[in-house]
Amino acid sequence: MHREISRLVDRQGSWAKPVGERVQHWLGDAFGRARPIKDVLNGTWFGHPVHPVMTDVGIGAMTIAAVLDLAGQDTAADLAVATGIAGMAASAATGAADAVDAYGKPQVYATVHATLMVASLASYLASIALRLGPRGGRPLARLLALAGYGAMTAGAYLGGDLTYRFGNQVDRHAFDAGGAKWKALDVTDVPEGTLVKAMLGSAPLVLFREGETIHALHATCAHAGGPLDKGTLVGDCVECPWHQSRFRLRDGRVMRGPAVYDQPAYEVRAVDGGLEARLA
């Protein structure tokens, strides 16, 4: 079943890709002028993506509304729909902040996902308008809510794909092995004031010397896997070349999104003319 759904979504690329690129360009301009707002919507301040929390509000409220509609509890159902609409609006804002950094196939899926969610929201807005009007409009209001719930379910399915299949907003270091064992680096010299790439076994690190201290972070950006060793120094941070997330060099703390997770930091020491490192 999932394969058939994936093939169906893949065939939407002919319209979803250009639409997604156009909307992404517009959102990029808007968020570029309001970067702190984007960080809030991404969840950089929270250390966790905000979008999943908001989607739970909308889906939960609309599920309750469907049950209450079936039970004939009109007032309670109307309140649940109104709550769900508020949750969906918040979901749209946080989802837009996440989707603006998606490219390739994830961008297509994000566009189809957003289209379904917008259709769902439109159905629910029409439903709440009828609920507030003459009572004769309630049967149609319930029908529109049911249609909205169907579109929401389909959109939520694709949202799950974006997270679990494509890894959107997933920490790229979730499964990195820790440990306190010192291991040799494949470099012996780190010039001051420049970013240097080194390998610690199979893990790429980015090194930066500050006086006698060498700071080291994992070179794979936690947000989307960008190469931090090809990034830019901005104050005491390294800026990812892909989406401009910034991480503090001394401890890996994320200082600017869209990343929401800190970068793994390493201790470095000099031994016998070489360098060793271990996870801090």
C-alpha atoms as a PDB file:
ATOM      1  CA  MET A   1       0.000   0.000   0.000  1.00  0.00           C
ATOM      2  CA  HIS A   2       2.766   2.438   0.950  1.00  0.00           C
ATOM      3  CA  ARG A   3       4.562   1.812  -2.366  1.00  0.00           C
ATOM      4  CA  GLU A   4       1.432   2.727  -4.330  1.00  0.00           C
ATOM      5  CA  ILE A   5       0.972   5.902  -2.291  1.00  0.00           C
ATOM      6  CA  SER A   6       4.622   6.842  -2.802  1.00  0.00           C
ATOM      7  CA  ARG A   7       4.336   6.340  -6.565  1.00  0.00           C
ATOM      8  CA  LEU A   8       1.182   8.472  -6.588  1.00  0.00           C
ATOM      9  CA  VAL A   9       2.915  11.295  -4.727  1.00  0.00           C
ATOM     10  CA  ASP A  10       6.016  11.026  -6.918  1.00  0.00           C
ATOM     11  CA  ARG A  11       3.823  11.601  -9.975  1.00  0.00           C
ATOM     12  CA  GLN A  12       2.744  14.959  -8.528  1.00  0.00           C
ATOM     13  CA  GLY A  13       6.213  16.387  -9.062  1.00  0.00           C
ATOM     14  CA  SER A  14       5.192  17.989 -12.378  1.00  0.00           C
ATOM     15  CA  TRP A  15       3.122  20.578 -10.505  1.00  0.00           C
ATOM     16  CA  ALA A  16       4.364  20.228  -6.918  1.00  0.00           C
ATOM     17  CA  LYS A  17       8.006  21.017  -7.727  1.00  0.00           C
ATOM     18  CA  PRO A  18       7.434  24.384  -9.460  1.00  0.00           C
ATOM     19  CA  VAL A  19       4.766  25.379  -6.928  1.00  0.00           C
ATOM     20  CA  GLY A  20       7.027  24.383  -4.059  1.00  0.00           C
ATOM     21  CA  GLU A  21       9.963  26.315  -5.504  1.00  0.00           C
ATOM     22  CA  ARG A  22       7.841  29.438  -6.003  1.00  0.00           C
ATOM     23  CA  VAL A  23       6.407  29.327  -2.485  1.00  0.00           C
ATOM     24  CA  GLN A  24       9.820  28.479  -1.053  1.00  0.00           C
ATOM     25  CA  HIS A  25      11.335  31.513  -2.758  1.00  0.00           C
ATOM     26  CA  TRP A  26       8.639  33.752  -1.307  1.00  0.00           C
ATOM     27  CA  LEU A  27       8.988  32.254   2.159  1.00  0.00           C
ATOM     28  CA  GLY A  28      12.775  32.482   1.960  1.00  0.00           C
ATOM     29  CA  ASP A  29      12.529  36.217   1.309  1.00  0.00           C
ATOM     30  CA  ALA A  30      10.021  36.684   4.132  1.00  0.00           C
ATOM     31  CA  PHE A  31      11.972  34.654   6.689  1.00  0.00           C
ATOM     32  CA  GLY A  32      15.247  36.201   5.537  1.00  0.00           C
ATOM     33  CA  ARG A  33      13.970  39.553   6.769  1.00  0.00           C
ATOM     34  CA  ALA A  34      12.712  38.030  10.016  1.00  0.00           C
ATOM     35  CA  ARG A  35      15.285  35.373  10.908  1.00  0.00           C
ATOM     36  CA  PRO A  36      14.543  35.419  14.686  1.00  0.00           C
ATOM     37  CA  ILE A  37      10.890  34.631  13.953  1.00  0.00           C
ATOM     38  CA  LYS A  38      11.941  31.673  11.809  1.00  0.00           C
ATOM     39  CA  ASP A  39      14.132  30.383  14.651  1.00  0.00           C
ATOM     40  CA  VAL A  40      11.136  30.558  16.989  1.00  0.00           C
ATOM     41  CA  LEU A  41       8.953  28.667  14.512  1.00  0.00           C
ATOM     42  CA  ASN A  42      11.662  26.041  13.861  1.00  0.00           C
ATOM     43  CA  GLY A  43      12.103  25.477  17.605  1.00  0.00           C
ATOM     44  CA  THR A  44      15.763  26.523  17.862  1.00  0.00           C
ATOM     45  CA  TRP A  45      15.004  28.226  21.193  1.00  0.00           C
ATOM     46  CA  PHE A  46      13.352  25.042  22.479  1.00  0.00           C
ATOM     47  CA  GLY A  47      15.924  22.483  21.341  1.00  0.00           C
ATOM     48  CA  HIS A  48      13.114  20.521  19.679  1.00  0.00           C
ATOM     49  CA  PRO A  49      11.007  21.014  16.522  1.00  0.00           C
ATOM     50  CA  VAL A  50       7.769  22.873  17.294  1.00  0.00           C
ATOM     51  CA  HIS A  51       5.770  21.696  14.273  1.00  0.00           C
ATOM     52  CA  PRO A  52       4.961  18.181  15.631  1.00  0.00           C
ATOM     53  CA  VAL A  53       3.530  19.703  18.816  1.00  0.00           C
ATOM     54  CA  MET A  54       1.247  21.997  16.822  1.00  0.00           C
ATOM     55  CA  THR A  55       0.031  19.197  14.543  1.00  0.00           C
ATOM     56  CA  ASP A  56      -1.030  17.180  17.591  1.00  0.00           C
ATOM     57  CA  VAL A  57      -3.308  20.049  18.669  1.00  0.00           C
ATOM     58  CA  GLY A  58      -5.082  20.251  15.322  1.00  0.00           C
ATOM     59  CA  ILE A  59      -5.419  16.511  14.709  1.00  0.00           C
ATOM     60  CA  GLY A  60      -6.464  15.812  18.290  1.00  0.00           C
ATOM     61  CA  ALA A  61      -9.105  18.541  18.343  1.00  0.00           C
ATOM     62  CA  MET A  62     -10.573  17.527  14.970  1.00  0.00           C
ATOM     63  CA  THR A  63     -10.719  13.870  16.021  1.00  0.00           C
ATOM     64  CA  ILE A  64     -12.679  14.883  19.110  1.00  0.00           C
ATOM     65  CA  ALA A  65     -14.910  17.095  16.944  1.00  0.00           C
ATOM     66  CA  ALA A  66     -15.720  14.148  14.652  1.00  0.00           C
ATOM     67  CA  VAL A  67     -16.754  12.017  17.628  1.00  0.00           C
ATOM     68  CA  LEU A  68     -18.856  14.822  19.104  1.00  0.00           C
ATOM     69  CA  ASP A  69     -20.559  15.440  15.753  1.00  0.00           C
ATOM     70  CA  LEU A  70     -21.522  11.768  15.573  1.00  0.00           C
ATOM     71  CA  ALA A  71     -22.817  11.959  19.153  1.00  0.00           C
ATOM     72  CA  GLY A  72     -24.930  15.016  18.368  1.00  0.00           C
ATOM     73  CA  GLN A  73     -23.077  17.223  20.857  1.00  0.00           C
ATOM     74  CA  ASP A  74     -23.226  20.329  18.704  1.00  0.00           C
ATOM     75  CA  THR A  75     -21.863  22.990  21.060  1.00  0.00           C
ATOM     76  CA  ALA A  76     -18.909  20.873  22.161  1.00  0.00           C
ATOM     77  CA  ALA A  77     -18.193  19.865  18.548  1.00  0.00           C
ATOM     78  CA  ASP A  78     -18.177  23.498  17.462  1.00  0.00           C
ATOM     79  CA  LEU A  79     -15.702  24.367  20.217  1.00  0.00           C
ATOM     80  CA  ALA A  80     -13.468  21.463  19.217  1.00  0.00           C
ATOM     81  CA  VAL A  81     -13.490  22.586  15.559  1.00  0.00           C
ATOM     82  CA  ALA A  82     -12.581  26.143  16.566  1.00  0.00           C
ATOM     83  CA  THR A  83      -9.702  24.812  18.692  1.00  0.00           C
ATOM     84  CA  GLY A  84      -8.557  22.602  15.825  1.00  0.00           C
ATOM     85  CA  ILE A  85      -8.549  25.516  13.385  1.00  0.00           C
ATOM     86  CA  ALA A  86      -6.297  27.483  15.742  1.00  0.00           C
ATOM     87  CA  GLY A  87      -3.975  24.492  15.991  1.00  0.00           C
ATOM     88  CA  MET A  88      -3.911  24.086  12.217  1.00  0.00           C
ATOM     89  CA  ALA A  89      -3.024  27.755  11.739  1.00  0.00           C
ATOM     90  CA  ALA A  90      -0.095  27.367  14.130  1.00  0.00           C
ATOM     91  CA  SER A  91       0.892  24.158  12.335  1.00  0.00           C
ATOM     92  CA  ALA A  92       0.912  25.988   9.003  1.00  0.00           C
ATOM     93  CA  ALA A  93       3.299  28.650  10.316  1.00  0.00           C
ATOM     94  CA  THR A  94       5.729  26.188  11.907  1.00  0.00           C
ATOM     95  CA  GLY A  95       5.506  23.811   8.943  1.00  0.00           C
ATOM     96  CA  ALA A  96       6.339  26.628   6.524  1.00  0.00           C
ATOM     97  CA  ALA A  97       9.474  27.456   8.546  1.00  0.00           C
ATOM     98  CA  ASP A  98      10.595  23.818   8.299  1.00  0.00           C
ATOM     99  CA  ALA A  99       9.625  23.275   4.644  1.00  0.00           C
ATOM    100  CA  VAL A 100      11.522  26.311   3.331  1.00  0.00           C
ATOM    101  CA  ASP A 101      14.744  24.331   3.865  1.00  0.00           C
ATOM    102  CA  ALA A 102      13.561  21.170   2.057  1.00  0.00           C
ATOM    103  CA  TYR A 103      14.836  20.332  -1.433  1.00  0.00           C
ATOM    104  CA  GLY A 104      14.485  17.548  -3.981  1.00  0.00           C
ATOM    105  CA  LYS A 105      11.948  14.825  -3.256  1.00  0.00           C
ATOM    106  CA  PRO A 106      11.245  16.088   0.305  1.00  0.00           C
ATOM    107  CA  GLN A 107      10.225  19.409  -1.237  1.00  0.00           C
ATOM    108  CA  VAL A 108       7.676  17.636  -3.469  1.00  0.00           C
ATOM    109  CA  TYR A 109       6.274  15.719  -0.507  1.00  0.00           C
ATOM    110  CA  ALA A 110       6.164  18.885   1.600  1.00  0.00           C
ATOM    111  CA  THR A 111       4.221  20.690  -1.134  1.00  0.00           C
ATOM    112  CA  VAL A 112       1.651  17.887  -1.493  1.00  0.00           C
ATOM    113  CA  HIS A 113       1.414  17.662   2.301  1.00  0.00           C
ATOM    114  CA  ALA A 114       0.836  21.424   2.581  1.00  0.00           C
ATOM    115  CA  THR A 115      -1.753  21.369  -0.225  1.00  0.00           C
ATOM    116  CA  LEU A 116      -3.766  18.688   1.569  1.00  0.00           C
ATOM    117  CA  MET A 117      -3.559  20.570   4.850  1.00  0.00           C
ATOM    118  CA  VAL A 118      -4.664  23.844   3.242  1.00  0.00           C
ATOM    119  CA  ALA A 119      -7.620  22.028   1.651  1.00  0.00           C
ATOM    120  CA  SER A 120      -8.469  20.552   5.048  1.00  0.00           C
ATOM    121  CA  LEU A 121      -8.271  23.947   6.733  1.00  0.00           C
ATOM    122  CA  ALA A 122     -10.517  25.484   4.044  1.00  0.00           C
ATOM    123  CA  SER A 123     -13.108  22.755   4.630  1.00  0.00           C
ATOM    124  CA  TYR A 124     -13.066  23.349   8.363  1.00  0.00           C
ATOM    125  CA  LEU A 125     -13.340  27.122   7.945  1.00  0.00           C
ATOM    126  CA  ALA A 126     -16.416  26.639   5.751  1.00  0.00           C
ATOM    127  CA  SER A 127     -17.742  24.176   8.328  1.00  0.00           C
ATOM    128  CA  ILE A 128     -17.357  26.586  11.252  1.00  0.00           C
ATOM    129  CA  ALA A 129     -19.013  29.362   9.227  1.00  0.00           C
ATOM    130  CA  LEU A 130     -22.059  27.134   8.667  1.00  0.00           C
ATOM    131  CA  ARG A 131     -22.077  26.078  12.338  1.00  0.00           C
ATOM    132  CA  LEU A 132     -22.378  29.725  13.354  1.00  0.00           C
ATOM    133  CA  GLY A 133     -25.263  30.285  10.947  1.00  0.00           C
ATOM    134  CA  PRO A 134     -28.839  28.930  10.823  1.00  0.00           C
ATOM    135  CA  ARG A 135     -29.260  25.431  12.180  1.00  0.00           C
ATOM    136  CA  GLY A 136     -30.287  24.121   8.777  1.00  0.00           C
ATOM    137  CA  GLY A 137     -26.687  24.348   7.657  1.00  0.00           C
ATOM    138  CA  ARG A 138     -25.411  21.866  10.246  1.00  0.00           C
ATOM    139  CA  PRO A 139     -25.667  18.714   8.069  1.00  0.00           C
ATOM    140  CA  LEU A 140     -23.459  20.342   5.425  1.00  0.00           C
ATOM    141  CA  ALA A 141     -21.136  21.625   8.160  1.00  0.00           C
ATOM    142  CA  ARG A 142     -20.665  18.054   9.406  1.00  0.00           C
ATOM    143  CA  LEU A 143     -20.058  16.816   5.859  1.00  0.00           C
ATOM    144  CA  LEU A 144     -17.427  19.499   5.260  1.00  0.00           C
ATOM    145  CA  ALA A 145     -15.760  18.615   8.560  1.00  0.00           C
ATOM    146  CA  LEU A 146     -15.648  14.967   7.492  1.00  0.00           C
ATOM    147  CA  ALA A 147     -14.046  15.956   4.168  1.00  0.00           C
ATOM    148  CA  GLY A 148     -11.561  18.116   6.052  1.00  0.00           C
ATOM    149  CA  TYR A 149     -10.717  15.231   8.335  1.00  0.00           C
ATOM    150  CA  GLY A 150     -10.041  12.998   5.337  1.00  0.00           C
ATOM    151  CA  ALA A 151      -7.681  15.548   3.771  1.00  0.00           C
ATOM    152  CA  MET A 152      -5.997  16.039   7.152  1.00  0.00           C
ATOM    153  CA  THR A 153      -5.440  12.287   7.525  1.00  0.00           C
ATOM    154  CA  ALA A 154      -3.826  12.066   4.096  1.00  0.00           C
ATOM    155  CA  GLY A 155      -1.679  15.102   4.834  1.00  0.00           C
ATOM    156  CA  ALA A 156      -0.607  13.686   8.192  1.00  0.00           C
ATOM    157  CA  TYR A 157       0.450  10.463   6.468  1.00  0.00           C
ATOM    158  CA  LEU A 158       2.766  12.407   4.169  1.00  0.00           C
ATOM    159  CA  GLY A 159       4.001  14.442   7.124  1.00  0.00           C
ATOM    160  CA  GLY A 160       5.061  11.170   8.696  1.00  0.00           C
ATOM    161  CA  ASP A 161       6.961  10.318   5.524  1.00  0.00           C
ATOM    162  CA  LEU A 162       8.788  13.640   5.678  1.00  0.00           C
ATOM    163  CA  THR A 163       9.991  12.839   9.182  1.00  0.00           C
ATOM    164  CA  TYR A 164      10.506   9.087   9.233  1.00  0.00           C
ATOM    165  CA  ARG A 165      11.458   8.470   5.601  1.00  0.00           C
ATOM    166  CA  PHE A 166      13.290  11.646   4.623  1.00  0.00           C
ATOM    167  CA  GLY A 167      14.521  12.717   8.052  1.00  0.00           C
ATOM    168  CA  ASN A 168      13.240  16.296   7.934  1.00  0.00           C
ATOM    169  CA  GLN A 169      14.180  18.021  11.230  1.00  0.00           C
ATOM    170  CA  VAL A 170      15.688  14.773  12.566  1.00  0.00           C
ATOM    171  CA  ASP A 171      18.970  15.002  14.520  1.00  0.00           C
ATOM    172  CA  ARG A 172      21.688  13.670  12.209  1.00  0.00           C
ATOM    173  CA  HIS A 173      23.632  12.516  15.287  1.00  0.00           C
ATOM    174  CA  ALA A 174      20.881  10.582  17.042  1.00  0.00           C
ATOM    175  CA  PHE A 175      22.760   7.299  16.705  1.00  0.00           C
ATOM    176  CA  ASP A 176      26.351   8.488  17.057  1.00  0.00           C
ATOM    177  CA  ALA A 177      28.303   6.339  19.486  1.00  0.00           C
ATOM    178  CA  GLY A 178      29.714   8.113  22.535  1.00  0.00           C
ATOM    179  CA  GLY A 179      32.560   7.061  24.778  1.00  0.00           C
ATOM    180  CA  ALA A 180      35.493   8.564  26.656  1.00  0.00           C
ATOM    181  CA  LYS A 181      38.292   6.837  24.758  1.00  0.00           C
ATOM    182  CA  TRP A 182      40.918   9.068  23.149  1.00  0.00           C
ATOM    183  CA  LYS A 183      41.548   8.382  19.456  1.00  0.00           C
ATOM    184  CA  ALA A 184      44.141   9.724  17.057  1.00  0.00           C
ATOM    185  CA  LEU A 185      43.222  12.442  14.570  1.00  0.00           C
ATOM    186  CA  ASP A 186      44.611  12.326  11.046  1.00  0.00           C
ATOM    187  CA  VAL A 187      46.050  15.862  11.294  1.00  0.00           C
ATOM    188  CA  THR A 188      49.013  17.106  13.303  1.00  0.00           C
ATOM    189  CA  ASP A 189      48.699  20.873  12.870  1.00  0.00           C
ATOM    190  CA  VAL A 190      45.763  23.271  13.162  1.00  0.00           C
ATOM    191  CA  PRO A 191      46.644  26.832  12.097  1.00  0.00           C
ATOM    192  CA  GLU A 192      44.982  29.519  14.168  1.00  0.00           C
ATOM    193  CA  GLY A 193      42.014  31.374  12.706  1.00  0.00           C
ATOM    194  CA  THR A 194      40.916  28.809  10.126  1.00  0.00           C
ATOM    195  CA  LEU A 195      38.618  25.805   9.959  1.00  0.00           C
ATOM    196  CA  VAL A 196      40.392  22.477   9.500  1.00  0.00           C
ATOM    197  CA  LYS A 197      38.785  19.155   8.632  1.00  0.00           C
ATOM    198  CA  ALA A 198      40.035  16.014  10.376  1.00  0.00           C
ATOM    199  CA  MET A 199      38.911  12.418  10.655  1.00  0.00           C
ATOM    200  CA  LEU A 200      38.416  10.706  13.992  1.00  0.00           C
ATOM    201  CA  GLY A 201      38.071   7.153  12.785  1.00  0.00           C
ATOM    202  CA  SER A 202      35.093   7.350  10.433  1.00  0.00           C
ATOM    203  CA  ALA A 203      33.734  10.582  11.958  1.00  0.00           C
ATOM    204  CA  PRO A 204      34.563  13.884  10.220  1.00  0.00           C
ATOM    205  CA  LEU A 205      35.422  16.739  12.583  1.00  0.00           C
ATOM    206  CA  VAL A 206      35.908  20.448  12.055  1.00  0.00           C
ATOM    207  CA  LEU A 207      38.738  21.931  14.163  1.00  0.00           C
ATOM    208  CA  PHE A 208      39.440  25.518  15.149  1.00  0.00           C
ATOM    209  CA  ARG A 209      42.410  26.745  17.166  1.00  0.00           C
ATOM    210  CA  GLU A 210      41.986  29.561  19.682  1.00  0.00           C
ATOM    211  CA  GLY A 211      45.336  30.188  21.333  1.00  0.00           C
ATOM    212  CA  GLU A 212      46.471  26.931  22.920  1.00  0.00           C
ATOM    213  CA  THR A 213      42.957  25.480  22.788  1.00  0.00           C
ATOM    214  CA  ILE A 214      41.629  23.496  19.832  1.00  0.00           C
ATOM    215  CA  HIS A 215      37.853  23.344  19.558  1.00  0.00           C
ATOM    216  CA  ALA A 216      36.306  20.451  17.646  1.00  0.00           C
ATOM    217  CA  LEU A 217      32.781  19.741  16.460  1.00  0.00           C
ATOM    218  CA  HIS A 218      31.333  16.953  14.365  1.00  0.00           C
ATOM    219  CA  ALA A 219      31.550  18.250  10.807  1.00  0.00           C
ATOM    220  CA  THR A 220      28.129  16.920   9.745  1.00  0.00           C
ATOM    221  CA  CYS A 221      25.459  19.520  10.518  1.00  0.00           C
ATOM    222  CA  ALA A 222      22.797  18.134  12.847  1.00  0.00           C
ATOM    223  CA  HIS A 223      20.052  19.803  10.797  1.00  0.00           C
ATOM    224  CA  ALA A 224      20.453  18.383   7.295  1.00  0.00           C
ATOM    225  CA  GLY A 225      23.960  16.967   7.071  1.00  0.00           C
ATOM    226  CA  GLY A 226      25.752  19.993   5.641  1.00  0.00           C
ATOM    227  CA  PRO A 227      29.595  20.032   5.762  1.00  0.00           C
ATOM    228  CA  LEU A 228      30.571  22.417   8.557  1.00  0.00           C
ATOM    229  CA  ASP A 229      34.230  22.206   7.538  1.00  0.00           C
ATOM    230  CA  LYS A 230      33.207  24.105   4.393  1.00  0.00           C
ATOM    231  CA  GLY A 231      31.309  26.642   6.467  1.00  0.00           C
ATOM    232  CA  THR A 232      32.089  30.192   7.537  1.00  0.00           C
ATOM    233  CA  LEU A 233      33.436  31.609  10.781  1.00  0.00           C
ATOM    234  CA  VAL A 234      30.981  34.110  12.300  1.00  0.00           C
ATOM    235  CA  GLY A 235      32.277  35.416  15.609  1.00  0.00           C
ATOM    236  CA  ASP A 236      32.720  32.397  17.882  1.00  0.00           C
ATOM    237  CA  CYS A 237      30.483  30.219  15.690  1.00  0.00           C
ATOM    238  CA  VAL A 238      30.717  28.146  12.537  1.00  0.00           C
ATOM    239  CA  GLU A 239      27.929  28.734  10.028  1.00  0.00           C
ATOM    240  CA  CYS A 240      26.690  25.808   7.931  1.00  0.00           C
ATOM    241  CA  PRO A 241      27.006  26.492   4.178  1.00  0.00           C
ATOM    242  CA  TRP A 242      23.672  24.828   3.374  1.00  0.00           C
ATOM    243  CA  HIS A 243      21.064  26.552   5.545  1.00  0.00           C
ATOM    244  CA  GLN A 244      23.158  28.971   7.633  1.00  0.00           C
ATOM    245  CA  SER A 245      22.621  27.299  11.007  1.00  0.00           C
ATOM    246  CA  ARG A 246      25.242  28.497  13.480  1.00  0.00           C
ATOM    247  CA  PHE A 247      26.951  26.458  16.206  1.00  0.00           C
ATOM    248  CA  ARG A 248      29.221  27.787  18.947  1.00  0.00           C
ATOM    249  CA  LEU A 249      32.672  26.310  18.437  1.00  0.00           C
ATOM    250  CA  ARG A 250      33.579  25.860  22.095  1.00  0.00           C
ATOM    251  CA  ASP A 251      30.645  23.602  22.957  1.00  0.00           C
ATOM    252  CA  GLY A 252      28.541  22.949  19.829  1.00  0.00           C
ATOM    253  CA  ARG A 253      25.512  24.859  21.091  1.00  0.00           C
ATOM    254  CA  VAL A 254      23.120  25.877  18.311  1.00  0.00           C
ATOM    255  CA  MET A 255      22.947  29.667  18.188  1.00  0.00           C
ATOM    256  CA  ARG A 256      20.830  30.118  15.059  1.00  0.00           C
ATOM    257  CA  GLY A 257      18.444  27.856  13.203  1.00  0.00           C
ATOM    258  CA  PRO A 258      16.997  26.179  11.281  1.00  0.00           C
ATOM    259  CA  ALA A 259      18.913  23.592  13.335  1.00  0.00           C
ATOM    260  CA  VAL A 260      17.282  22.779  16.656  1.00  0.00           C
ATOM    261  CA  TYR A 261      19.837  20.295  18.006  1.00  0.00           C
ATOM    262  CA  ASP A 262      23.303  21.058  19.370  1.00  0.00           C
ATOM    263  CA  GLN A 263      26.350  19.818  17.506  1.00  0.00           C
ATOM    264  CA  PRO A 264      28.468  17.047  19.136  1.00  0.00           C
ATOM    265  CA  ALA A 265      31.605  18.651  20.607  1.00  0.00           C
ATOM    266  CA  TYR A 266      34.986  16.971  21.159  1.00  0.00           C
ATOM    267  CA  GLU A 267      37.969  17.507  23.417  1.00  0.00           C
ATOM    268  CA  VAL A 268      41.353  17.676  21.680  1.00  0.00           C
ATOM    269  CA  ARG A 269      44.813  17.153  23.165  1.00  0.00           C
ATOM    270  CA  ALA A 270      48.358  17.037  21.836  1.00  0.00           C
ATOM    271  CA  VAL A 271      50.324  13.788  22.302  1.00  0.00           C
ATOM    272  CA  ASP A 272      53.729  12.768  20.917  1.00  0.00           C
ATOM    273  CA  GLY A 273      53.675  15.250  18.083  1.00  0.00           C
ATOM    274  CA  GLY A 274      50.121  14.381  17.090  1.00  0.00           C
ATOM    275  CA  LEU A 275      46.546  15.133  18.143  1.00  0.00           C
ATOM    276  CA  GLU A 276      43.878  13.010  19.812  1.00  0.00           C
ATOM    277  CA  ALA A 277      40.201  13.680  20.400  1.00  0.00           C
ATOM    278  CA  ARG A 278      37.248  12.249  22.265  1.00  0.00           C
ATOM    279  CA  LEU A 279      33.594  13.143  22.595  1.00  0.00           C
ATOM    280  CA  ALA A 280      33.199  15.827  25.231  1.00  0.00           C
END
